[in-house]
């Protein structure tokens, strides 16, 4: 094999490996799709303005807090997931709310029931953010001794928004518990991708592809 042909072969390997890497990232699955969500929860269990969530996580024993530790407990747990960072506590059905970039939110839910609302007030006039806005949301649903999380990418919110929920996990008695609380966290859209999970390093994939082709090229040269 000539040097020119070898260079073309290596370039082709680079393009193929890069293409495979891009395809892998484009097909990145979330926790729900990977089967790590337990007790039958799915993205359809939580909707916002008639749109199902982008991903879900759980079911987890214990509590996730929006208001404890200065409102940082819940966001810290969510930031540790593969959904990106920058999450802020907005409001809970059993606690006071928080103002996020000039927008003040109030969440309510029917208990027992299957619907919830998120109302908002613009407190900063013409200064951004303003309604309508595009935000990412994480909604925590607690029932019995467990909770689960649902995430939404690029949700359009106008201050009078609605959603639905369903509790499909069970308590120790084998029954679906009533809603204990519903907590909403948010961030500006673009802070990450809710449905993304860690991928293999792109450069490692490229090097692996080049290594295989290089090995094949050496065999042809010998």
N, C-alpha and C. Protein backbone atom coordinates (compact mmCIF):
# COMPACT_ATOMS: atom_id res chain seq x y z
N UNK A 1 0.85 -1.20 0.00
CA UNK A 1 0.00 0.00 0.00
C UNK A 1 0.88 1.23 0.00
N UNK A 2 0.59 2.19 -0.89
CA UNK A 2 1.37 3.42 -0.94
C UNK A 2 0.99 4.33 0.21
N UNK A 3 1.87 5.34 0.46
CA UNK A 3 1.60 6.29 1.53
C UNK A 3 0.32 7.05 1.26
N UNK A 4 0.07 7.39 -0.03
CA UNK A 4 -1.13 8.14 -0.38
C UNK A 4 -2.38 7.33 -0.05
N UNK A 5 -2.35 6.03 -0.40
CA UNK A 5 -3.50 5.18 -0.10
C UNK A 5 -3.69 5.01 1.40
N UNK A 6 -2.57 4.91 2.13
CA UNK A 6 -2.65 4.78 3.57
C UNK A 6 -3.29 6.01 4.19
N UNK A 7 -2.90 7.20 3.71
CA UNK A 7 -3.49 8.44 4.22
C UNK A 7 -4.99 8.48 3.96
N UNK A 8 -5.40 8.04 2.74
CA UNK A 8 -6.82 8.03 2.43
C UNK A 8 -7.57 7.06 3.33
N UNK A 9 -6.94 5.93 3.62
CA UNK A 9 -7.56 4.94 4.49
C UNK A 9 -7.76 5.49 5.89
N UNK A 10 -6.71 6.14 6.41
CA UNK A 10 -6.81 6.72 7.75
C UNK A 10 -7.85 7.83 7.81
N UNK A 11 -7.91 8.66 6.75
CA UNK A 11 -8.91 9.73 6.70
C UNK A 11 -10.31 9.14 6.69
N UNK A 12 -10.50 8.06 5.93
CA UNK A 12 -11.81 7.41 5.91
C UNK A 12 -12.19 6.86 7.27
N UNK A 13 -11.20 6.31 7.97
CA UNK A 13 -11.47 5.80 9.31
C UNK A 13 -11.88 6.91 10.25
N UNK A 14 -11.21 8.06 10.12
CA UNK A 14 -11.55 9.20 10.97
C UNK A 14 -12.98 9.64 10.73
N UNK A 15 -13.38 9.72 9.45
CA UNK A 15 -14.74 10.15 9.12
C UNK A 15 -15.77 9.14 9.60
N UNK A 16 -15.48 7.85 9.41
CA UNK A 16 -16.42 6.82 9.84
C UNK A 16 -16.57 6.83 11.35
N UNK A 17 -15.42 6.90 12.06
CA UNK A 17 -15.47 6.91 13.51
C UNK A 17 -16.22 8.12 14.01
N UNK A 18 -15.95 9.27 13.40
CA UNK A 18 -16.65 10.48 13.80
C UNK A 18 -18.13 10.36 13.55
N UNK A 19 -18.52 9.77 12.42
CA UNK A 19 -19.92 9.59 12.11
C UNK A 19 -20.60 8.68 13.11
N UNK A 20 -19.92 7.61 13.49
CA UNK A 20 -20.48 6.71 14.48
C UNK A 20 -20.66 7.41 15.81
N UNK A 21 -19.69 8.25 16.17
CA UNK A 21 -19.78 8.97 17.44
C UNK A 21 -20.96 9.92 17.44
N UNK A 22 -21.14 10.66 16.34
CA UNK A 22 -22.26 11.59 16.26
C UNK A 22 -23.58 10.84 16.34
N UNK A 23 -23.67 9.71 15.64
CA UNK A 23 -24.90 8.93 15.68
C UNK A 23 -25.18 8.44 17.08
N UNK A 24 -24.12 8.01 17.79
CA UNK A 24 -24.30 7.53 19.14
C UNK A 24 -24.84 8.62 20.05
N UNK A 25 -24.28 9.86 19.91
CA UNK A 25 -24.73 10.94 20.75
C UNK A 25 -26.16 11.34 20.41
N UNK A 26 -26.51 11.31 19.11
CA UNK A 26 -27.85 11.70 18.71
C UNK A 26 -28.88 10.71 19.24
N UNK A 27 -28.48 9.46 19.45
CA UNK A 27 -29.39 8.44 19.92
C UNK A 27 -29.28 8.23 21.43
N UNK A 28 -28.68 9.19 22.12
CA UNK A 28 -28.50 9.05 23.57
C UNK A 28 -29.83 8.83 24.26
N UNK A 29 -29.90 7.79 25.07
CA UNK A 29 -31.15 7.45 25.76
C UNK A 29 -31.11 8.00 27.18
N UNK A 30 -32.28 8.17 27.75
CA UNK A 30 -32.38 8.65 29.11
C UNK A 30 -32.55 7.51 30.10
N UNK A 31 -32.74 7.87 31.36
CA UNK A 31 -32.88 6.86 32.40
C UNK A 31 -34.08 5.96 32.14
N UNK A 32 -35.20 6.54 31.70
CA UNK A 32 -36.40 5.74 31.42
C UNK A 32 -36.12 4.73 30.32
N UNK A 33 -35.53 5.19 29.21
CA UNK A 33 -35.29 4.33 28.06
C UNK A 33 -34.26 3.24 28.35
N UNK A 34 -33.34 3.52 29.26
CA UNK A 34 -32.31 2.54 29.60
C UNK A 34 -32.80 1.50 30.59
N UNK A 35 -34.03 1.67 31.07
CA UNK A 35 -34.59 0.69 31.99
C UNK A 35 -34.14 0.87 33.43
N UNK A 36 -33.52 2.01 33.76
CA UNK A 36 -33.09 2.24 35.14
C UNK A 36 -34.22 2.80 35.99
N UNK A 37 -35.30 3.28 35.36
CA UNK A 37 -36.47 3.70 36.11
C UNK A 37 -37.18 2.44 36.63
N UNK A 38 -37.61 2.47 37.88
CA UNK A 38 -38.16 1.28 38.52
C UNK A 38 -39.65 1.43 38.79
N UNK A 39 -40.25 0.33 39.17
CA UNK A 39 -41.66 0.25 39.58
C UNK A 39 -42.62 0.74 38.50
N UNK A 40 -42.21 0.61 37.24
CA UNK A 40 -43.12 0.88 36.14
C UNK A 40 -43.31 2.32 35.75
N UNK A 41 -42.51 3.25 36.30
CA UNK A 41 -42.71 4.65 35.93
C UNK A 41 -42.23 4.88 34.50
N UNK A 42 -42.84 5.88 33.85
CA UNK A 42 -42.49 6.20 32.47
C UNK A 42 -42.64 7.70 32.26
N UNK A 43 -42.20 8.16 31.10
CA UNK A 43 -42.29 9.59 30.80
C UNK A 43 -43.74 10.05 30.73
N UNK A 44 -44.67 9.14 30.44
CA UNK A 44 -46.08 9.51 30.32
C UNK A 44 -46.74 9.77 31.67
N UNK A 45 -46.07 9.40 32.77
CA UNK A 45 -46.66 9.62 34.08
C UNK A 45 -46.72 11.09 34.49
N UNK A 46 -46.01 11.95 33.76
CA UNK A 46 -46.01 13.38 34.09
C UNK A 46 -46.09 14.17 32.78
N UNK A 47 -47.07 15.07 32.68
CA UNK A 47 -47.19 15.90 31.50
C UNK A 47 -47.19 17.37 31.91
N UNK A 48 -46.82 18.23 30.96
CA UNK A 48 -46.85 19.68 31.15
C UNK A 48 -47.41 20.29 29.89
N UNK A 49 -48.56 20.94 30.00
CA UNK A 49 -49.23 21.51 28.83
C UNK A 49 -49.42 20.45 27.74
N UNK A 50 -49.91 19.29 28.17
CA UNK A 50 -50.25 18.18 27.28
C UNK A 50 -49.05 17.52 26.61
N UNK A 51 -47.85 17.78 27.09
CA UNK A 51 -46.64 17.16 26.54
C UNK A 51 -46.02 16.26 27.60
N UNK A 52 -45.72 15.01 27.24
CA UNK A 52 -45.11 14.08 28.18
C UNK A 52 -43.68 14.52 28.49
N UNK A 53 -43.20 14.13 29.65
CA UNK A 53 -41.85 14.51 30.08
C UNK A 53 -40.80 13.92 29.15
N UNK A 54 -39.61 14.53 29.18
CA UNK A 54 -38.50 14.06 28.34
C UNK A 54 -37.80 12.85 28.93
N UNK A 55 -37.80 12.74 30.26
CA UNK A 55 -37.13 11.62 30.92
C UNK A 55 -37.67 11.50 32.33
N UNK A 56 -37.38 10.37 32.97
CA UNK A 56 -37.79 10.16 34.36
C UNK A 56 -36.68 9.46 35.12
N UNK A 57 -36.72 9.59 36.44
CA UNK A 57 -35.69 8.99 37.29
C UNK A 57 -36.34 8.54 38.59
N UNK A 58 -36.03 7.37 39.05
CA UNK A 58 -36.57 6.84 40.30
C UNK A 58 -37.05 5.41 40.05
N UNK A 59 -37.72 4.81 41.00
CA UNK A 59 -38.29 5.41 42.21
C UNK A 59 -37.26 5.33 43.33
N UNK A 60 -37.21 6.37 44.20
CA UNK A 60 -36.19 6.48 45.22
C UNK A 60 -36.85 6.58 46.59
N UNK A 61 -36.35 5.83 47.55
CA UNK A 61 -36.86 5.90 48.92
C UNK A 61 -36.36 7.18 49.59
N UNK A 62 -37.21 7.81 50.38
CA UNK A 62 -36.81 9.01 51.11
C UNK A 62 -37.48 10.25 50.59
N UNK A 63 -36.79 11.37 50.74
CA UNK A 63 -37.33 12.67 50.37
C UNK A 63 -36.35 13.43 49.50
N UNK A 64 -36.89 14.27 48.64
CA UNK A 64 -36.08 15.27 47.96
C UNK A 64 -36.64 16.61 48.40
N UNK A 65 -35.78 17.49 48.87
CA UNK A 65 -36.24 18.73 49.48
C UNK A 65 -35.99 19.92 48.58
N UNK A 66 -36.98 20.79 48.48
CA UNK A 66 -36.80 22.02 47.74
C UNK A 66 -36.46 23.19 48.63
N UNK A 67 -36.90 23.12 49.89
CA UNK A 67 -36.78 24.28 50.76
C UNK A 67 -35.71 24.13 51.83
N UNK A 68 -35.30 22.93 52.16
CA UNK A 68 -34.27 22.75 53.17
C UNK A 68 -32.91 23.25 52.71
N UNK A 69 -32.04 23.57 53.65
CA UNK A 69 -30.68 24.01 53.34
C UNK A 69 -30.67 25.18 52.36
N UNK A 70 -31.56 26.13 52.62
CA UNK A 70 -31.62 27.30 51.77
C UNK A 70 -32.13 27.02 50.37
N UNK A 71 -32.86 25.91 50.21
CA UNK A 71 -33.40 25.57 48.90
C UNK A 71 -32.43 24.83 48.01
N UNK A 72 -31.32 24.32 48.59
CA UNK A 72 -30.27 23.72 47.77
C UNK A 72 -30.26 22.19 47.80
N UNK A 73 -31.03 21.58 48.67
CA UNK A 73 -30.99 20.12 48.77
C UNK A 73 -31.43 19.45 47.48
N UNK A 74 -32.64 19.80 47.02
CA UNK A 74 -33.15 19.21 45.80
C UNK A 74 -32.30 19.50 44.59
N UNK A 75 -31.98 20.78 44.31
CA UNK A 75 -31.12 21.07 43.16
C UNK A 75 -29.79 20.33 43.20
N UNK A 76 -29.20 20.16 44.37
CA UNK A 76 -27.92 19.46 44.47
C UNK A 76 -28.07 18.01 44.01
N UNK A 77 -29.18 17.36 44.39
CA UNK A 77 -29.41 15.99 43.97
C UNK A 77 -29.65 15.91 42.46
N UNK A 78 -30.41 16.86 41.92
CA UNK A 78 -30.69 16.84 40.49
C UNK A 78 -29.44 17.17 39.69
N UNK A 79 -28.63 18.11 40.18
CA UNK A 79 -27.39 18.46 39.48
C UNK A 79 -26.45 17.27 39.38
N UNK A 80 -26.59 16.31 40.28
CA UNK A 80 -25.72 15.13 40.27
C UNK A 80 -26.14 14.13 39.20
N UNK A 81 -27.33 14.30 38.62
CA UNK A 81 -27.77 13.43 37.54
C UNK A 81 -27.12 13.86 36.24
N UNK A 82 -27.42 13.14 35.16
CA UNK A 82 -26.84 13.46 33.85
C UNK A 82 -27.73 14.40 33.06
N UNK A 83 -28.48 15.23 33.77
CA UNK A 83 -29.40 16.17 33.12
C UNK A 83 -28.83 17.58 33.07
N UNK A 84 -27.57 17.74 33.35
CA UNK A 84 -26.98 19.08 33.39
C UNK A 84 -27.20 19.74 34.73
N UNK A 85 -26.64 20.93 34.89
CA UNK A 85 -26.69 21.62 36.18
C UNK A 85 -27.45 22.94 36.03
N UNK A 86 -27.45 23.72 37.11
CA UNK A 86 -28.11 25.02 37.09
C UNK A 86 -29.53 25.00 37.58
N UNK A 87 -29.97 23.91 38.24
CA UNK A 87 -31.35 23.80 38.69
C UNK A 87 -31.62 24.67 39.91
N UNK A 88 -32.81 25.24 39.96
CA UNK A 88 -33.23 26.11 41.05
C UNK A 88 -34.61 25.68 41.53
N UNK A 89 -34.80 25.68 42.83
CA UNK A 89 -36.11 25.39 43.40
C UNK A 89 -37.08 26.51 43.04
N UNK A 90 -38.27 26.13 42.53
CA UNK A 90 -39.29 27.11 42.17
C UNK A 90 -40.44 27.15 43.17
N UNK A 91 -41.05 26.00 43.42
CA UNK A 91 -42.15 25.97 44.38
C UNK A 91 -42.53 24.52 44.69
N UNK A 92 -43.28 24.34 45.77
CA UNK A 92 -43.78 23.03 46.18
C UNK A 92 -45.21 23.18 46.68
N UNK A 93 -45.96 22.09 46.60
CA UNK A 93 -47.35 22.15 47.05
C UNK A 93 -47.47 22.31 48.56
N UNK A 94 -46.39 22.01 49.29
CA UNK A 94 -46.45 22.08 50.76
C UNK A 94 -45.43 23.06 51.33
N UNK A 95 -44.93 23.99 50.53
CA UNK A 95 -43.93 24.96 51.01
C UNK A 95 -44.03 26.24 50.18
N UNK A 96 -43.38 27.28 50.66
CA UNK A 96 -43.40 28.56 49.95
C UNK A 96 -42.51 28.50 48.72
N UNK A 97 -42.77 29.41 47.78
CA UNK A 97 -42.06 29.40 46.51
C UNK A 97 -40.84 30.30 46.49
N UNK A 98 -40.25 30.39 45.32
CA UNK A 98 -39.02 31.14 45.13
C UNK A 98 -39.14 31.94 43.83
N UNK A 99 -38.49 33.09 43.76
CA UNK A 99 -38.47 33.90 42.55
C UNK A 99 -37.24 33.57 41.74
N UNK A 100 -37.45 33.24 40.47
CA UNK A 100 -36.36 32.84 39.58
C UNK A 100 -36.25 33.85 38.44
N UNK A 101 -35.18 34.64 38.44
CA UNK A 101 -34.91 35.61 37.37
C UNK A 101 -36.12 36.50 37.11
N UNK A 102 -36.77 36.92 38.19
CA UNK A 102 -37.89 37.84 38.08
C UNK A 102 -39.24 37.17 37.89
N UNK A 103 -39.28 35.85 37.79
CA UNK A 103 -40.53 35.13 37.65
C UNK A 103 -40.82 34.38 38.95
N UNK A 104 -42.01 34.63 39.50
CA UNK A 104 -42.43 33.98 40.74
C UNK A 104 -43.48 32.93 40.43
N UNK A 105 -43.25 31.68 40.89
CA UNK A 105 -44.12 30.56 40.53
C UNK A 105 -44.87 30.02 41.74
N UNK A 106 -46.07 29.52 41.48
CA UNK A 106 -46.87 28.83 42.48
C UNK A 106 -47.40 27.54 41.86
N UNK A 107 -47.12 26.40 42.53
CA UNK A 107 -47.59 25.12 42.03
C UNK A 107 -48.69 24.59 42.95
N UNK A 108 -49.74 24.08 42.36
CA UNK A 108 -50.82 23.45 43.10
C UNK A 108 -51.12 22.10 42.47
N UNK A 109 -51.72 21.20 43.26
CA UNK A 109 -52.07 19.88 42.75
C UNK A 109 -53.30 19.38 43.47
N UNK A 110 -54.09 18.60 42.77
CA UNK A 110 -55.26 17.98 43.39
C UNK A 110 -54.81 16.77 44.19
N UNK A 111 -55.21 16.72 45.47
CA UNK A 111 -54.80 15.63 46.37
C UNK A 111 -56.05 15.05 47.04
N UNK A 112 -56.46 13.79 46.78
CA UNK A 112 -55.86 12.94 45.73
C UNK A 112 -56.33 13.43 44.36
N UNK A 113 -55.61 13.09 43.34
CA UNK A 113 -55.99 13.54 42.01
C UNK A 113 -54.92 13.26 41.00
N UNK A 114 -55.08 13.88 39.82
CA UNK A 114 -54.15 13.61 38.73
C UNK A 114 -53.75 14.87 37.98
N UNK A 115 -54.05 16.05 38.50
CA UNK A 115 -53.74 17.28 37.77
C UNK A 115 -52.97 18.25 38.65
N UNK A 116 -52.16 19.10 37.99
CA UNK A 116 -51.42 20.13 38.70
C UNK A 116 -51.33 21.38 37.84
N UNK A 117 -51.12 22.50 38.48
CA UNK A 117 -51.03 23.77 37.77
C UNK A 117 -49.77 24.51 38.20
N UNK A 118 -49.23 25.30 37.29
CA UNK A 118 -48.08 26.14 37.59
C UNK A 118 -48.42 27.55 37.11
N UNK A 119 -48.69 28.42 38.06
CA UNK A 119 -49.00 29.80 37.73
C UNK A 119 -47.78 30.66 38.03
N UNK A 120 -47.61 31.70 37.25
CA UNK A 120 -46.43 32.55 37.40
C UNK A 120 -46.76 34.01 37.31
N UNK A 121 -45.95 34.82 37.98
CA UNK A 121 -46.09 36.27 37.96
C UNK A 121 -44.76 36.90 37.60
N UNK A 122 -44.77 37.82 36.66
CA UNK A 122 -43.56 38.55 36.27
C UNK A 122 -43.37 39.70 37.25
N UNK A 123 -42.32 39.63 38.06
CA UNK A 123 -42.10 40.64 39.10
C UNK A 123 -41.04 41.68 38.74
N UNK A 124 -40.44 41.56 37.55
CA UNK A 124 -39.34 42.47 37.21
C UNK A 124 -39.63 43.30 35.97
N UNK A 125 -40.91 43.44 35.61
CA UNK A 125 -41.26 44.31 34.49
C UNK A 125 -40.67 43.86 33.17
N UNK A 126 -40.05 44.80 32.46
CA UNK A 126 -39.53 44.49 31.12
C UNK A 126 -38.19 43.77 31.16
N UNK A 127 -37.58 43.67 32.34
CA UNK A 127 -36.29 42.98 32.45
C UNK A 127 -36.49 41.48 32.29
N UNK A 128 -35.67 40.80 31.47
CA UNK A 128 -35.80 39.34 31.32
C UNK A 128 -35.58 38.64 32.66
N UNK A 129 -36.19 37.51 32.90
CA UNK A 129 -37.06 36.76 32.00
C UNK A 129 -38.47 37.34 31.98
N UNK A 130 -39.16 37.09 30.87
CA UNK A 130 -40.54 37.51 30.74
C UNK A 130 -41.36 36.36 30.18
N UNK A 131 -42.66 36.40 30.48
CA UNK A 131 -43.57 35.42 29.87
C UNK A 131 -43.96 35.90 28.47
N UNK A 132 -44.11 34.99 27.51
CA UNK A 132 -43.81 33.55 27.61
C UNK A 132 -42.31 33.31 27.61
N UNK A 133 -41.92 32.21 28.28
CA UNK A 133 -40.50 31.88 28.40
C UNK A 133 -40.30 30.40 28.09
N UNK A 134 -39.07 30.05 27.73
CA UNK A 134 -38.70 28.66 27.49
C UNK A 134 -37.80 28.21 28.63
N UNK A 135 -38.25 27.23 29.39
CA UNK A 135 -37.53 26.75 30.55
C UNK A 135 -37.42 25.24 30.53
N UNK A 136 -36.40 24.73 31.22
CA UNK A 136 -36.33 23.31 31.53
C UNK A 136 -36.92 23.11 32.92
N UNK A 137 -37.65 22.03 33.11
CA UNK A 137 -38.27 21.74 34.40
C UNK A 137 -37.90 20.35 34.88
N UNK A 138 -37.82 20.19 36.18
CA UNK A 138 -37.83 18.88 36.82
C UNK A 138 -38.95 18.90 37.85
N UNK A 139 -39.81 17.90 37.80
CA UNK A 139 -40.93 17.81 38.73
C UNK A 139 -40.72 16.58 39.61
N UNK A 140 -40.73 16.79 40.91
CA UNK A 140 -40.60 15.70 41.87
C UNK A 140 -41.98 15.35 42.40
N UNK A 141 -42.29 14.06 42.38
CA UNK A 141 -43.58 13.59 42.86
C UNK A 141 -43.32 12.63 44.01
N UNK A 142 -43.82 12.97 45.20
CA UNK A 142 -43.62 12.14 46.39
C UNK A 142 -44.95 11.50 46.77
N UNK A 143 -44.91 10.19 46.98
CA UNK A 143 -46.08 9.45 47.45
C UNK A 143 -45.64 8.38 48.41
N UNK A 144 -46.24 8.32 49.58
CA UNK A 144 -45.81 7.35 50.58
C UNK A 144 -44.40 7.64 51.05
N UNK A 145 -43.53 6.65 50.95
CA UNK A 145 -42.14 6.82 51.42
C UNK A 145 -41.16 6.96 50.25
N UNK A 146 -41.68 7.17 49.03
CA UNK A 146 -40.80 7.22 47.86
C UNK A 146 -41.11 8.44 47.01
N UNK A 147 -40.15 8.77 46.14
CA UNK A 147 -40.36 9.85 45.19
C UNK A 147 -39.71 9.48 43.86
N UNK A 148 -40.13 10.19 42.82
CA UNK A 148 -39.54 10.03 41.49
C UNK A 148 -39.45 11.40 40.84
N UNK A 149 -38.62 11.51 39.80
CA UNK A 149 -38.39 12.78 39.12
C UNK A 149 -38.72 12.67 37.65
N UNK A 150 -39.32 13.73 37.11
CA UNK A 150 -39.59 13.81 35.68
C UNK A 150 -39.01 15.11 35.15
N UNK A 151 -38.32 15.06 34.02
CA UNK A 151 -37.68 16.24 33.46
C UNK A 151 -38.30 16.65 32.13
N UNK A 152 -38.33 17.96 31.88
CA UNK A 152 -38.87 18.51 30.64
C UNK A 152 -37.82 19.42 30.00
N UNK A 153 -37.57 19.21 28.72
CA UNK A 153 -36.67 20.05 27.94
C UNK A 153 -37.45 21.14 27.22
N UNK A 154 -36.96 22.39 27.30
CA UNK A 154 -37.49 23.49 26.49
C UNK A 154 -39.01 23.59 26.56
N UNK A 155 -39.54 23.66 27.78
CA UNK A 155 -40.98 23.78 27.96
C UNK A 155 -41.40 25.24 27.82
N UNK A 156 -42.43 25.49 27.05
CA UNK A 156 -42.96 26.84 26.90
C UNK A 156 -43.93 27.13 28.04
N UNK A 157 -43.65 28.18 28.79
CA UNK A 157 -44.45 28.53 29.96
C UNK A 157 -44.93 29.97 29.83
N UNK A 158 -46.23 30.20 30.10
CA UNK A 158 -46.78 31.55 29.97
C UNK A 158 -47.35 32.09 31.28
N UNK A 159 -47.21 31.33 32.37
CA UNK A 159 -47.70 31.77 33.66
C UNK A 159 -49.05 31.21 34.05
N UNK A 160 -49.68 30.49 33.15
CA UNK A 160 -50.96 29.83 33.45
C UNK A 160 -50.95 28.45 32.83
N UNK A 161 -50.08 27.58 33.36
CA UNK A 161 -49.79 26.30 32.74
C UNK A 161 -50.36 25.16 33.58
N UNK A 162 -50.64 24.05 32.92
CA UNK A 162 -51.25 22.91 33.59
C UNK A 162 -50.52 21.63 33.24
N UNK A 163 -50.73 20.61 34.05
CA UNK A 163 -50.12 19.32 33.80
C UNK A 163 -50.93 18.21 34.44
N UNK A 164 -50.51 16.98 34.19
CA UNK A 164 -51.13 15.82 34.80
C UNK A 164 -50.05 14.93 35.42
N UNK A 165 -50.45 14.11 36.37
CA UNK A 165 -49.51 13.16 36.96
C UNK A 165 -50.26 11.88 37.31
N UNK A 166 -49.50 10.81 37.42
CA UNK A 166 -50.06 9.54 37.89
C UNK A 166 -49.01 8.82 38.73
N UNK A 167 -49.44 8.32 39.87
CA UNK A 167 -48.55 7.58 40.76
C UNK A 167 -48.76 6.09 40.48
N UNK A 168 -47.78 5.48 39.87
CA UNK A 168 -47.90 4.06 39.52
C UNK A 168 -47.10 3.16 40.46
N UNK A 169 -46.18 3.76 41.25
CA UNK A 169 -45.45 2.93 42.20
C UNK A 169 -46.33 2.66 43.43
N UNK A 170 -45.94 1.68 44.21
CA UNK A 170 -46.79 1.22 45.31
C UNK A 170 -46.11 1.40 46.66
N UNK A 171 -46.92 1.44 47.71
CA UNK A 171 -46.40 1.52 49.08
C UNK A 171 -46.21 0.12 49.64
N UNK A 172 -45.89 0.03 50.93
CA UNK A 172 -45.63 -1.27 51.54
C UNK A 172 -46.85 -2.18 51.54
N UNK A 173 -48.03 -1.58 51.45
CA UNK A 173 -49.25 -2.37 51.41
C UNK A 173 -49.62 -2.83 50.01
N UNK A 174 -48.79 -2.45 49.00
CA UNK A 174 -49.07 -2.84 47.64
C UNK A 174 -50.06 -1.95 46.93
N UNK A 175 -50.37 -0.79 47.51
CA UNK A 175 -51.31 0.14 46.91
C UNK A 175 -50.60 1.38 46.38
N UNK A 176 -51.22 2.06 45.43
CA UNK A 176 -50.69 3.33 44.95
C UNK A 176 -50.96 4.39 45.99
N UNK A 177 -49.94 5.02 46.56
CA UNK A 177 -50.17 6.02 47.61
C UNK A 177 -50.72 7.31 47.03
N UNK A 178 -51.35 8.09 47.89
CA UNK A 178 -51.80 9.42 47.49
C UNK A 178 -50.59 10.35 47.40
N UNK A 179 -50.76 11.45 46.70
CA UNK A 179 -49.68 12.42 46.55
C UNK A 179 -49.37 13.08 47.89
N UNK A 180 -48.09 13.03 48.27
CA UNK A 180 -47.65 13.74 49.47
C UNK A 180 -47.27 15.18 49.14
N UNK A 181 -46.45 15.35 48.11
CA UNK A 181 -46.12 16.69 47.64
C UNK A 181 -45.60 16.63 46.21
N UNK A 182 -45.66 17.76 45.56
CA UNK A 182 -45.14 17.91 44.20
C UNK A 182 -44.26 19.14 44.20
N UNK A 183 -43.01 18.98 43.79
CA UNK A 183 -42.02 20.06 43.83
C UNK A 183 -41.53 20.33 42.41
N UNK A 184 -41.40 21.60 42.06
CA UNK A 184 -40.95 21.98 40.73
C UNK A 184 -39.62 22.71 40.82
N UNK A 185 -38.67 22.28 40.00
CA UNK A 185 -37.37 22.91 39.85
C UNK A 185 -37.23 23.41 38.42
N UNK A 186 -36.46 24.45 38.20
CA UNK A 186 -36.33 24.97 36.85
C UNK A 186 -34.97 25.56 36.57
N UNK A 187 -34.73 25.86 35.31
CA UNK A 187 -33.53 26.56 34.86
C UNK A 187 -33.85 27.13 33.48
N UNK A 188 -33.02 28.04 33.01
CA UNK A 188 -33.17 28.53 31.65
C UNK A 188 -32.92 27.39 30.66
N UNK A 189 -33.68 27.34 29.59
CA UNK A 189 -33.48 26.32 28.58
C UNK A 189 -32.08 26.44 27.99
N UNK A 190 -31.47 25.30 27.69
CA UNK A 190 -30.13 25.30 27.13
C UNK A 190 -29.05 24.99 28.14
N UNK A 191 -29.43 24.77 29.41
CA UNK A 191 -28.44 24.45 30.43
C UNK A 191 -27.98 23.01 30.37
N UNK A 192 -28.56 22.23 29.51
CA UNK A 192 -28.22 20.82 29.37
C UNK A 192 -29.35 20.12 28.67
N UNK A 193 -29.25 18.80 28.56
CA UNK A 193 -30.30 18.00 27.95
C UNK A 193 -30.82 17.02 28.96
N UNK A 194 -32.11 17.13 29.27
CA UNK A 194 -32.69 16.30 30.32
C UNK A 194 -32.58 14.83 29.99
N UNK A 195 -32.75 14.45 28.72
CA UNK A 195 -32.77 13.03 28.37
C UNK A 195 -31.40 12.43 28.15
N UNK A 196 -30.34 13.23 28.26
CA UNK A 196 -29.00 12.72 27.96
C UNK A 196 -28.44 11.92 29.13
N UNK A 197 -27.67 10.89 28.80
CA UNK A 197 -26.92 10.13 29.79
C UNK A 197 -25.47 10.09 29.34
N UNK A 198 -24.55 9.79 30.26
CA UNK A 198 -23.13 9.82 29.87
C UNK A 198 -22.83 8.93 28.68
N UNK A 199 -22.06 9.47 27.75
CA UNK A 199 -21.67 8.74 26.54
C UNK A 199 -20.19 8.38 26.62
N UNK A 200 -19.75 7.41 25.80
CA UNK A 200 -18.33 7.11 25.68
C UNK A 200 -17.62 8.33 25.12
N UNK A 201 -16.39 8.54 25.58
CA UNK A 201 -15.65 9.71 25.14
C UNK A 201 -15.43 9.69 23.62
N UNK A 202 -15.75 10.82 22.99
CA UNK A 202 -15.66 10.90 21.53
C UNK A 202 -14.26 10.61 21.04
N UNK A 203 -13.27 11.20 21.70
CA UNK A 203 -11.89 11.01 21.25
C UNK A 203 -11.44 9.57 21.43
N UNK A 204 -11.90 8.91 22.45
CA UNK A 204 -11.55 7.51 22.65
C UNK A 204 -12.09 6.66 21.52
N UNK A 205 -13.31 6.99 21.06
CA UNK A 205 -13.91 6.25 19.95
C UNK A 205 -13.12 6.49 18.66
N UNK A 206 -12.71 7.74 18.44
CA UNK A 206 -11.94 8.05 17.25
C UNK A 206 -10.61 7.31 17.24
N UNK A 207 -9.93 7.32 18.38
CA UNK A 207 -8.65 6.64 18.46
C UNK A 207 -8.80 5.14 18.27
N UNK A 208 -9.89 4.58 18.79
CA UNK A 208 -10.11 3.15 18.62
C UNK A 208 -10.30 2.81 17.14
N UNK A 209 -11.08 3.64 16.44
CA UNK A 209 -11.29 3.40 15.02
C UNK A 209 -10.01 3.51 14.22
N UNK A 210 -9.21 4.53 14.53
CA UNK A 210 -7.94 4.70 13.84
C UNK A 210 -6.99 3.55 14.13
N UNK A 211 -7.03 3.06 15.36
CA UNK A 211 -6.15 1.96 15.71
C UNK A 211 -6.46 0.70 14.94
N UNK A 212 -7.76 0.42 14.77
CA UNK A 212 -8.15 -0.78 14.01
C UNK A 212 -7.73 -0.68 12.55
N UNK A 213 -7.94 0.51 11.95
CA UNK A 213 -7.56 0.67 10.55
C UNK A 213 -6.05 0.65 10.40
N UNK A 214 -5.34 1.25 11.33
CA UNK A 214 -3.88 1.22 11.29
C UNK A 214 -3.34 -0.18 11.36
N UNK A 215 -3.98 -1.00 12.21
CA UNK A 215 -3.56 -2.40 12.31
C UNK A 215 -3.77 -3.13 10.97
N UNK A 216 -4.95 -2.88 10.37
CA UNK A 216 -5.24 -3.51 9.07
C UNK A 216 -4.25 -3.04 8.00
N UNK A 217 -3.91 -1.75 8.01
CA UNK A 217 -2.99 -1.21 7.02
C UNK A 217 -1.59 -1.83 7.19
N UNK A 218 -1.17 -2.01 8.42
CA UNK A 218 0.15 -2.61 8.67
C UNK A 218 0.19 -4.05 8.16
N UNK A 219 -0.94 -4.76 8.31
CA UNK A 219 -0.97 -6.15 7.83
C UNK A 219 -0.82 -6.20 6.31
N UNK A 220 -1.43 -5.18 5.60
CA UNK A 220 -1.33 -5.16 4.14
C UNK A 220 0.06 -4.77 3.67
N UNK A 221 0.75 -3.93 4.47
CA UNK A 221 2.09 -3.48 4.09
C UNK A 221 3.13 -4.57 4.31
N UNK A 222 2.87 -5.50 5.20
CA UNK A 222 3.85 -6.54 5.49
C UNK A 222 3.69 -7.71 4.52
